Amino acid sequence: MRSLLLLIALSTACLAMVIPPARDNVVECLMCEKAVRAAAPNLGKDTETIEKDFDEDCVKDLKIPLAGKECEKYINKNLDPIIKELESGTAPKDVCTKLHEC
């Protein structure tokens, strides 16, 4: 009986450690796709335009706590690599995969 309880406790602990990173990857993938959609038609324009479009779309669609801060943090960190991929000719549908976001 003691072994069974220990096994259940260990299984629960392992599952708790695995689930949050998977959730983060889904959110980052969605944010990346939104950033690509904002950046692709605005290449060559001011990055503030891209950031504004992304922020509006991100906050509206993600519906996560503190979405504004998370969206801002994401775009500040990832906009330059996304733009570089698009400018180098990477297809918009492939950018997030190439950047390991999806």
Foldseek 3Di string as FASTA:
>chain_A
DVVVVVVVVVVVVVVVVPPVVVVQLVLLLVLLLLLLVLDLVQQPHDVVSSLVSSLVVQCVPPPDVPSNVVSVVSCVPCVVQSSVCVVVPNDSVCSCVVVVSD
